[in-house]
Amino acid sequence: VAIGSLASSAEQGVAVGNFAQAGLLST
């Protein structure tokens, strides 16, 4: 799940916020 401008998320990760990133199994 990636929500926000340029947010990115790896498999089973959640990133919420502009430029937010989430690696594997990360929030």
PDB file of all heavy atoms in Angstrom:
ATOM      1  N   VAL A   1       0.853  -1.179   0.000  1.00  0.00           N
ATOM      2  CA  VAL A   1       0.000   0.000   0.000  1.00  0.00           C
ATOM      3  C   VAL A   1       0.892   1.231   0.000  1.00  0.00           C
ATOM      4  O   VAL A   1       1.793   1.352   0.833  1.00  0.00           O
ATOM      5  CB  VAL A   1      -0.922   0.028   1.237  1.00  0.00           C
ATOM      6  CG1 VAL A   1      -1.755   1.292   1.263  1.00  0.00           C
ATOM      7  CG2 VAL A   1      -1.803  -1.206   1.278  1.00  0.00           C
ATOM      8  N   ALA A   2       0.647   2.138  -0.931  1.00  0.00           N
ATOM      9  CA  ALA A   2       1.386   3.405  -0.990  1.00  0.00           C
ATOM     10  C   ALA A   2       0.375   4.520  -1.246  1.00  0.00           C
ATOM     11  O   ALA A   2      -0.319   4.506  -2.261  1.00  0.00           O
ATOM     12  CB  ALA A   2       2.434   3.374  -2.084  1.00  0.00           C
ATOM     13  N   ILE A   3       0.277   5.456  -0.314  1.00  0.00           N
ATOM     14  CA  ILE A   3      -0.662   6.564  -0.433  1.00  0.00           C
ATOM     15  C   ILE A   3       0.104   7.867  -0.278  1.00  0.00           C
ATOM     16  O   ILE A   3       0.759   8.085   0.747  1.00  0.00           O
ATOM     17  CB  ILE A   3      -1.764   6.474   0.646  1.00  0.00           C
ATOM     18  CG1 ILE A   3      -2.536   5.159   0.509  1.00  0.00           C
ATOM     19  CG2 ILE A   3      -2.697   7.668   0.543  1.00  0.00           C
ATOM     20  CD1 ILE A   3      -3.483   4.886   1.654  1.00  0.00           C
ATOM     21  N   GLY A   4       0.048   8.704  -1.287  1.00  0.00           N
ATOM     22  CA  GLY A   4       0.726   9.998  -1.229  1.00  0.00           C
ATOM     23  C   GLY A   4       1.609  10.193  -2.446  1.00  0.00           C
ATOM     24  O   GLY A   4       2.025   9.244  -3.103  1.00  0.00           O
ATOM     25  N   SER A   5       1.898  11.428  -2.735  1.00  0.00           N
ATOM     26  CA  SER A   5       2.735  11.778  -3.874  1.00  0.00           C
ATOM     27  C   SER A   5       4.114  11.142  -3.737  1.00  0.00           C
ATOM     28  O   SER A   5       4.804  11.311  -2.732  1.00  0.00           O
ATOM     29  CB  SER A   5       2.885  13.301  -3.956  1.00  0.00           C
ATOM     30  OG  SER A   5       3.790  13.660  -4.964  1.00  0.00           O
ATOM     31  N   LEU A   6       4.508  10.358  -4.727  1.00  0.00           N
ATOM     32  CA  LEU A   6       5.795   9.672  -4.782  1.00  0.00           C
ATOM     33  C   LEU A   6       6.022   8.700  -3.623  1.00  0.00           C
ATOM     34  O   LEU A   6       7.153   8.341  -3.305  1.00  0.00           O
ATOM     35  CB  LEU A   6       6.954  10.669  -4.869  1.00  0.00           C
ATOM     36  CG  LEU A   6       6.938  11.581  -6.102  1.00  0.00           C
ATOM     37  CD1 LEU A   6       8.069  12.593  -6.019  1.00  0.00           C
ATOM     38  CD2 LEU A   6       7.052  10.773  -7.382  1.00  0.00           C
ATOM     39  N   ALA A   7       4.953   8.254  -2.973  1.00  0.00           N
ATOM     40  CA  ALA A   7       5.079   7.224  -1.942  1.00  0.00           C
ATOM     41  C   ALA A   7       5.346   5.892  -2.624  1.00  0.00           C
ATOM     42  O   ALA A   7       4.862   5.632  -3.718  1.00  0.00           O
ATOM     43  CB  ALA A   7       3.808   7.144  -1.110  1.00  0.00           C
ATOM     44  N   SER A   8       6.160   5.028  -1.973  1.00  0.00           N
ATOM     45  CA  SER A   8       6.439   3.721  -2.547  1.00  0.00           C
ATOM     46  C   SER A   8       6.499   2.684  -1.439  1.00  0.00           C
ATOM     47  O   SER A   8       6.905   2.969  -0.323  1.00  0.00           O
ATOM     48  CB  SER A   8       7.767   3.738  -3.320  1.00  0.00           C
ATOM     49  OG  SER A   8       8.837   4.009  -2.451  1.00  0.00           O
ATOM     50  N   SER A   9       6.100   1.472  -1.779  1.00  0.00           N
ATOM     51  CA  SER A   9       6.071   0.415  -0.784  1.00  0.00           C
ATOM     52  C   SER A   9       6.495  -0.901  -1.404  1.00  0.00           C
ATOM     53  O   SER A   9       6.097  -1.243  -2.510  1.00  0.00           O
ATOM     54  CB  SER A   9       4.668   0.284  -0.207  1.00  0.00           C
ATOM     55  OG  SER A   9       4.613  -0.760   0.730  1.00  0.00           O
ATOM     56  N   ALA A  10       7.331  -1.641  -0.681  1.00  0.00           N
ATOM     57  CA  ALA A  10       7.728  -2.975  -1.108  1.00  0.00           C
ATOM     58  C   ALA A  10       6.617  -3.953  -0.759  1.00  0.00           C
ATOM     59  O   ALA A  10       5.626  -3.598  -0.127  1.00  0.00           O
ATOM     60  CB  ALA A  10       9.030  -3.373  -0.423  1.00  0.00           C
ATOM     61  N   GLU A  11       6.823  -5.196  -1.130  1.00  0.00           N
ATOM     62  CA  GLU A  11       5.854  -6.245  -0.854  1.00  0.00           C
ATOM     63  C   GLU A  11       5.501  -6.285   0.638  1.00  0.00           C
ATOM     64  O   GLU A  11       6.372  -6.252   1.495  1.00  0.00           O
ATOM     65  CB  GLU A  11       6.451  -7.582  -1.280  1.00  0.00           C
ATOM     66  CG  GLU A  11       5.536  -8.754  -1.081  1.00  0.00           C
ATOM     67  CD  GLU A  11       6.167 -10.053  -1.572  1.00  0.00           C
ATOM     68  OE1 GLU A  11       7.175 -10.006  -2.282  1.00  0.00           O
ATOM     69  OE2 GLU A  11       5.625 -11.099  -1.202  1.00  0.00           O
ATOM     70  N   GLN A  12       4.236  -6.317   0.941  1.00  0.00           N
ATOM     71  CA  GLN A  12       3.702  -6.380   2.292  1.00  0.00           C
ATOM     72  C   GLN A  12       4.142  -5.203   3.163  1.00  0.00           C
ATOM     73  O   GLN A  12       4.295  -5.321   4.369  1.00  0.00           O
ATOM     74  CB  GLN A  12       4.079  -7.708   2.947  1.00  0.00           C
ATOM     75  CG  GLN A  12       3.519  -8.904   2.218  1.00  0.00           C
ATOM     76  CD  GLN A  12       3.904 -10.206   2.873  1.00  0.00           C
ATOM     77  OE1 GLN A  12       4.415 -10.247   3.969  1.00  0.00           O
ATOM     78  NE2 GLN A  12       3.650 -11.302   2.182  1.00  0.00           N
ATOM     79  N   GLY A  13       4.329  -4.061   2.535  1.00  0.00           N
ATOM     80  CA  GLY A  13       4.674  -2.856   3.266  1.00  0.00           C
ATOM     81  C   GLY A  13       3.601  -1.803   3.088  1.00  0.00           C
ATOM     82  O   GLY A  13       2.800  -1.858   2.156  1.00  0.00           O
ATOM     83  N   VAL A  14       3.562  -0.815   4.001  1.00  0.00           N
ATOM     84  CA  VAL A  14       2.589   0.265   3.938  1.00  0.00           C
ATOM     85  C   VAL A  14       3.324   1.589   4.039  1.00  0.00           C
ATOM     86  O   VAL A  14       4.088   1.814   4.993  1.00  0.00           O
ATOM     87  CB  VAL A  14       1.560   0.163   5.085  1.00  0.00           C
ATOM     88  CG1 VAL A  14       0.611   1.336   5.056  1.00  0.00           C
ATOM     89  CG2 VAL A  14       0.801  -1.153   5.014  1.00  0.00           C
ATOM     90  N   ALA A  15       3.119   2.462   3.059  1.00  0.00           N
ATOM     91  CA  ALA A  15       3.712   3.800   3.063  1.00  0.00           C
ATOM     92  C   ALA A  15       2.600   4.821   2.880  1.00  0.00           C
ATOM     93  O   ALA A  15       1.874   4.778   1.907  1.00  0.00           O
ATOM     94  CB  ALA A  15       4.744   3.938   1.946  1.00  0.00           C
ATOM     95  N   VAL A  16       2.474   5.750   3.855  1.00  0.00           N
ATOM     96  CA  VAL A  16       1.441   6.777   3.797  1.00  0.00           C
ATOM     97  C   VAL A  16       2.110   8.127   3.992  1.00  0.00           C
ATOM     98  O   VAL A  16       2.710   8.384   5.047  1.00  0.00           O
ATOM     99  CB  VAL A  16       0.364   6.561   4.881  1.00  0.00           C
ATOM    100  CG1 VAL A  16      -0.674   7.664   4.831  1.00  0.00           C
ATOM    101  CG2 VAL A  16      -0.292   5.190   4.735  1.00  0.00           C
ATOM    102  N   GLY A  17       2.045   8.977   2.986  1.00  0.00           N
ATOM    103  CA  GLY A  17       2.624  10.312   3.068  1.00  0.00           C
ATOM    104  C   GLY A  17       3.452  10.615   1.838  1.00  0.00           C
ATOM    105  O   GLY A  17       4.003   9.715   1.203  1.00  0.00           O
ATOM    106  N   ASN A  18       3.527  11.876   1.492  1.00  0.00           N
ATOM    107  CA  ASN A  18       4.331  12.269   0.347  1.00  0.00           C
ATOM    108  C   ASN A  18       5.787  11.855   0.562  1.00  0.00           C
ATOM    109  O   ASN A  18       6.357  12.087   1.625  1.00  0.00           O
ATOM    110  CB  ASN A  18       4.252  13.774   0.117  1.00  0.00           C
ATOM    111  CG  ASN A  18       2.865  14.202  -0.325  1.00  0.00           C
ATOM    112  OD1 ASN A  18       2.031  13.375  -0.695  1.00  0.00           O
ATOM    113  ND2 ASN A  18       2.606  15.494  -0.282  1.00  0.00           N
ATOM    114  N   PHE A  19       6.369  11.228  -0.431  1.00  0.00           N
ATOM    115  CA  PHE A  19       7.752  10.749  -0.425  1.00  0.00           C
ATOM    116  C   PHE A  19       8.013   9.653   0.607  1.00  0.00           C
ATOM    117  O   PHE A  19       9.167   9.318   0.872  1.00  0.00           O
ATOM    118  CB  PHE A  19       8.748  11.901  -0.217  1.00  0.00           C
ATOM    119  CG  PHE A  19       8.598  13.006  -1.211  1.00  0.00           C
ATOM    120  CD1 PHE A  19       7.952  14.181  -0.859  1.00  0.00           C
ATOM    121  CD2 PHE A  19       9.090  12.877  -2.494  1.00  0.00           C
ATOM    122  CE1 PHE A  19       7.796  15.211  -1.771  1.00  0.00           C
ATOM    123  CE2 PHE A  19       8.945  13.902  -3.424  1.00  0.00           C
ATOM    124  CZ  PHE A  19       8.294  15.073  -3.061  1.00  0.00           C
ATOM    125  N   ALA A  20       6.984   9.104   1.207  1.00  0.00           N
ATOM    126  CA  ALA A  20       7.169   8.019   2.177  1.00  0.00           C
ATOM    127  C   ALA A  20       7.588   6.741   1.451  1.00  0.00           C
ATOM    128  O   ALA A  20       7.158   6.489   0.331  1.00  0.00           O
ATOM    129  CB  ALA A  20       5.883   7.783   2.964  1.00  0.00           C
ATOM    130  N   GLN A  21       8.429   5.933   2.115  1.00  0.00           N
ATOM    131  CA  GLN A  21       8.862   4.653   1.567  1.00  0.00           C
ATOM    132  C   GLN A  21       8.695   3.584   2.641  1.00  0.00           C
ATOM    133  O   GLN A  21       8.904   3.849   3.819  1.00  0.00           O
ATOM    134  CB  GLN A  21      10.348   4.676   1.186  1.00  0.00           C
ATOM    135  CG  GLN A  21      10.742   5.697   0.170  1.00  0.00           C
ATOM    136  CD  GLN A  21      12.232   5.578  -0.091  1.00  0.00           C
ATOM    137  OE1 GLN A  21      12.687   4.616  -0.692  1.00  0.00           O
ATOM    138  NE2 GLN A  21      12.997   6.543   0.395  1.00  0.00           N
ATOM    139  N   ALA A  22       8.369   2.393   2.207  1.00  0.00           N
ATOM    140  CA  ALA A  22       8.273   1.280   3.155  1.00  0.00           C
ATOM    141  C   ALA A  22       8.892   0.046   2.525  1.00  0.00           C
ATOM    142  O   ALA A  22       8.489  -0.376   1.448  1.00  0.00           O
ATOM    143  CB  ALA A  22       6.824   1.016   3.533  1.00  0.00           C
ATOM    144  N   GLY A  23       9.895  -0.518   3.185  1.00  0.00           N
ATOM    145  CA  GLY A  23      10.519  -1.748   2.728  1.00  0.00           C
ATOM    146  C   GLY A  23       9.653  -2.940   3.064  1.00  0.00           C
ATOM    147  O   GLY A  23       8.537  -2.811   3.585  1.00  0.00           O
ATOM    148  N   LEU A  24      10.168  -4.120   2.814  1.00  0.00           N
ATOM    149  CA  LEU A  24       9.474  -5.368   3.079  1.00  0.00           C
ATOM    150  C   LEU A  24       9.017  -5.428   4.536  1.00  0.00           C
ATOM    151  O   LEU A  24       9.810  -5.190   5.454  1.00  0.00           O
ATOM    152  CB  LEU A  24      10.397  -6.550   2.769  1.00  0.00           C
ATOM    153  CG  LEU A  24       9.864  -7.940   3.083  1.00  0.00           C
ATOM    154  CD1 LEU A  24       8.681  -8.265   2.170  1.00  0.00           C
ATOM    155  CD2 LEU A  24      10.960  -8.975   2.908  1.00  0.00           C
ATOM    156  N   LEU A  25       7.767  -5.711   4.754  1.00  0.00           N
ATOM    157  CA  LEU A  25       7.171  -5.840   6.084  1.00  0.00           C
ATOM    158  C   LEU A  25       7.372  -4.599   6.952  1.00  0.00           C
ATOM    159  O   LEU A  25       7.533  -4.683   8.156  1.00  0.00           O
ATOM    160  CB  LEU A  25       7.720  -7.073   6.798  1.00  0.00           C
ATOM    161  CG  LEU A  25       7.520  -8.403   6.082  1.00  0.00           C
ATOM    162  CD1 LEU A  25       8.240  -9.523   6.811  1.00  0.00           C
ATOM    163  CD2 LEU A  25       6.043  -8.732   5.916  1.00  0.00           C
ATOM    164  N   SER A  26       7.375  -3.433   6.328  1.00  0.00           N
ATOM    165  CA  SER A  26       7.580  -2.165   7.037  1.00  0.00           C
ATOM    166  C   SER A  26       6.350  -1.288   6.936  1.00  0.00           C
ATOM    167  O   SER A  26       5.532  -1.426   6.033  1.00  0.00           O
ATOM    168  CB  SER A  26       8.775  -1.411   6.442  1.00  0.00           C
ATOM    169  OG  SER A  26       9.973  -2.107   6.684  1.00  0.00           O
ATOM    170  N   THR A  27       6.250  -0.342   7.882  1.00  0.00           N
ATOM    171  CA  THR A  27       5.179   0.641   7.879  1.00  0.00           C
ATOM    172  C   THR A  27       5.794   2.015   8.047  1.00  0.00           C
ATOM    173  O   THR A  27       6.572   2.242   8.975  1.00  0.00           O
ATOM    174  CB  THR A  27       4.191   0.390   9.035  1.00  0.00           C
ATOM    175  OG1 THR A  27       3.656  -0.929   8.910  1.00  0.00           O
ATOM    176  CG2 THR A  27       3.063   1.407   9.018  1.00  0.00           C
TER     177      THR A  27
END
